[in-house]
Amino acid sequence: MLNFPARLAADAAGFANRMAALLDLDTRRVRRYLAARCALEPDFWGVAEQLRGEL
């Protein structure tokens, strides 16, 4: 998902939910993973903040 920064920045939670549904994974776990992964990358700190509010 980090390979699509524009889509991620536009709607991170929606993007995570869509990917979780396609892969038959728990949406909450995917959002948490994505938030943690974005927190490690300075370019994605804004996305991590956005996701933190939705956890």
N, C-alpha and C. Protein backbone atom coordinates (compact mmCIF):
# COMPACT_ATOMS: atom_id res chain seq x y z
N MET A 1 0.81 -1.18 0.00
CA MET A 1 0.00 0.00 0.00
C MET A 1 0.86 1.25 0.00
N LEU A 2 2.07 1.13 0.53
CA LEU A 2 2.95 2.29 0.57
C LEU A 2 3.44 2.67 -0.83
N ASN A 3 3.24 1.80 -1.79
CA ASN A 3 3.63 2.09 -3.17
C ASN A 3 2.64 3.02 -3.86
N PHE A 4 1.53 3.33 -3.21
CA PHE A 4 0.50 4.21 -3.76
C PHE A 4 0.25 5.37 -2.80
N PRO A 5 1.23 6.27 -2.65
CA PRO A 5 1.12 7.32 -1.63
C PRO A 5 -0.06 8.28 -1.85
N ALA A 6 -0.41 8.58 -3.09
CA ALA A 6 -1.54 9.49 -3.33
C ALA A 6 -2.85 8.86 -2.87
N ARG A 7 -3.03 7.60 -3.19
CA ARG A 7 -4.25 6.90 -2.79
C ARG A 7 -4.29 6.73 -1.27
N LEU A 8 -3.14 6.46 -0.69
CA LEU A 8 -3.05 6.29 0.76
C LEU A 8 -3.36 7.60 1.48
N ALA A 9 -2.83 8.69 0.98
CA ALA A 9 -3.07 9.99 1.60
C ALA A 9 -4.52 10.44 1.45
N ALA A 10 -5.15 10.08 0.34
CA ALA A 10 -6.53 10.49 0.08
C ALA A 10 -7.52 9.83 1.04
N ASP A 11 -7.34 8.53 1.29
CA ASP A 11 -8.27 7.80 2.16
C ASP A 11 -7.58 6.55 2.69
N ALA A 12 -6.77 6.73 3.70
CA ALA A 12 -5.97 5.62 4.23
C ALA A 12 -6.84 4.51 4.81
N ALA A 13 -7.85 4.87 5.58
CA ALA A 13 -8.71 3.85 6.19
C ALA A 13 -9.50 3.10 5.12
N GLY A 14 -10.01 3.82 4.15
CA GLY A 14 -10.76 3.18 3.07
C GLY A 14 -9.88 2.25 2.25
N PHE A 15 -8.66 2.69 1.99
CA PHE A 15 -7.70 1.87 1.25
C PHE A 15 -7.37 0.60 2.04
N ALA A 16 -7.13 0.74 3.33
CA ALA A 16 -6.83 -0.42 4.18
C ALA A 16 -8.02 -1.36 4.25
N ASN A 17 -9.22 -0.81 4.38
CA ASN A 17 -10.42 -1.65 4.43
C ASN A 17 -10.61 -2.42 3.13
N ARG A 18 -10.36 -1.76 2.01
CA ARG A 18 -10.50 -2.41 0.70
C ARG A 18 -9.50 -3.55 0.55
N MET A 19 -8.25 -3.30 0.92
CA MET A 19 -7.23 -4.34 0.80
C MET A 19 -7.54 -5.51 1.74
N ALA A 20 -8.01 -5.21 2.94
CA ALA A 20 -8.36 -6.26 3.89
C ALA A 20 -9.51 -7.12 3.35
N ALA A 21 -10.48 -6.48 2.75
CA ALA A 21 -11.62 -7.22 2.19
C ALA A 21 -11.16 -8.11 1.03
N LEU A 22 -10.31 -7.58 0.19
CA LEU A 22 -9.82 -8.37 -0.95
C LEU A 22 -9.01 -9.59 -0.50
N LEU A 23 -8.30 -9.44 0.61
CA LEU A 23 -7.44 -10.52 1.10
C LEU A 23 -8.09 -11.34 2.21
N ASP A 24 -9.35 -11.02 2.53
CA ASP A 24 -10.10 -11.71 3.58
C ASP A 24 -9.35 -11.65 4.92
N LEU A 25 -8.91 -10.45 5.28
CA LEU A 25 -8.23 -10.21 6.55
C LEU A 25 -9.08 -9.32 7.43
N ASP A 26 -8.76 -9.31 8.71
CA ASP A 26 -9.45 -8.46 9.67
C ASP A 26 -9.10 -6.99 9.38
N THR A 27 -10.10 -6.17 9.13
CA THR A 27 -9.84 -4.78 8.75
C THR A 27 -9.13 -4.00 9.86
N ARG A 28 -9.48 -4.26 11.09
CA ARG A 28 -8.85 -3.54 12.19
C ARG A 28 -7.36 -3.83 12.27
N ARG A 29 -6.99 -5.09 12.07
CA ARG A 29 -5.58 -5.47 12.12
C ARG A 29 -4.80 -4.84 10.97
N VAL A 30 -5.42 -4.78 9.79
CA VAL A 30 -4.74 -4.18 8.64
C VAL A 30 -4.55 -2.69 8.88
N ARG A 31 -5.56 -2.00 9.42
CA ARG A 31 -5.42 -0.57 9.72
C ARG A 31 -4.33 -0.34 10.77
N ARG A 32 -4.28 -1.19 11.79
CA ARG A 32 -3.25 -1.05 12.82
C ARG A 32 -1.85 -1.29 12.24
N TYR A 33 -1.72 -2.30 11.42
CA TYR A 33 -0.43 -2.57 10.79
C TYR A 33 -0.02 -1.37 9.93
N LEU A 34 -0.94 -0.88 9.14
CA LEU A 34 -0.63 0.24 8.25
C LEU A 34 -0.25 1.48 9.05
N ALA A 35 -0.93 1.75 10.13
CA ALA A 35 -0.60 2.90 10.97
C ALA A 35 0.81 2.75 11.55
N ALA A 36 1.14 1.56 12.02
CA ALA A 36 2.47 1.31 12.58
C ALA A 36 3.54 1.43 11.50
N ARG A 37 3.26 0.91 10.34
CA ARG A 37 4.22 0.97 9.23
C ARG A 37 4.43 2.41 8.77
N CYS A 38 3.37 3.18 8.70
CA CYS A 38 3.48 4.58 8.29
C CYS A 38 4.22 5.41 9.33
N ALA A 39 4.09 5.03 10.59
CA ALA A 39 4.79 5.77 11.66
C ALA A 39 6.31 5.63 11.53
N LEU A 40 6.76 4.59 10.86
CA LEU A 40 8.19 4.37 10.67
C LEU A 40 8.77 5.18 9.52
N GLU A 41 7.93 5.67 8.65
CA GLU A 41 8.37 6.39 7.45
C GLU A 41 8.02 7.88 7.57
N PRO A 42 9.00 8.75 7.63
CA PRO A 42 8.71 10.19 7.77
C PRO A 42 7.76 10.74 6.70
N ASP A 43 7.82 10.20 5.50
CA ASP A 43 6.94 10.67 4.43
C ASP A 43 5.47 10.34 4.68
N PHE A 44 5.22 9.39 5.57
CA PHE A 44 3.85 8.92 5.82
C PHE A 44 3.34 9.24 7.22
N TRP A 45 4.02 10.13 7.94
CA TRP A 45 3.58 10.45 9.29
C TRP A 45 2.17 11.03 9.30
N GLY A 46 1.82 11.80 8.30
CA GLY A 46 0.46 12.35 8.23
C GLY A 46 -0.59 11.26 8.09
N VAL A 47 -0.26 10.25 7.33
CA VAL A 47 -1.17 9.11 7.17
C VAL A 47 -1.30 8.36 8.48
N ALA A 48 -0.20 8.19 9.20
CA ALA A 48 -0.24 7.52 10.49
C ALA A 48 -1.15 8.28 11.47
N GLU A 49 -1.04 9.61 11.46
CA GLU A 49 -1.91 10.43 12.32
C GLU A 49 -3.38 10.26 11.92
N GLN A 50 -3.64 10.23 10.64
CA GLN A 50 -5.02 10.06 10.14
C GLN A 50 -5.57 8.70 10.60
N LEU A 51 -4.77 7.66 10.48
CA LEU A 51 -5.22 6.33 10.87
C LEU A 51 -5.37 6.19 12.38
N ARG A 52 -4.50 6.87 13.12
CA ARG A 52 -4.56 6.80 14.58
C ARG A 52 -5.92 7.27 15.10
N GLY A 53 -6.47 8.26 14.44
CA GLY A 53 -7.77 8.76 14.85
C GLY A 53 -8.92 7.81 14.55
N GLU A 54 -8.66 6.81 13.71
CA GLU A 54 -9.71 5.88 13.31
C GLU A 54 -9.56 4.51 13.93
N LEU A 55 -8.57 4.34 14.80
CA LEU A 55 -8.36 3.02 15.42
C LEU A 55 -9.24 2.84 16.59
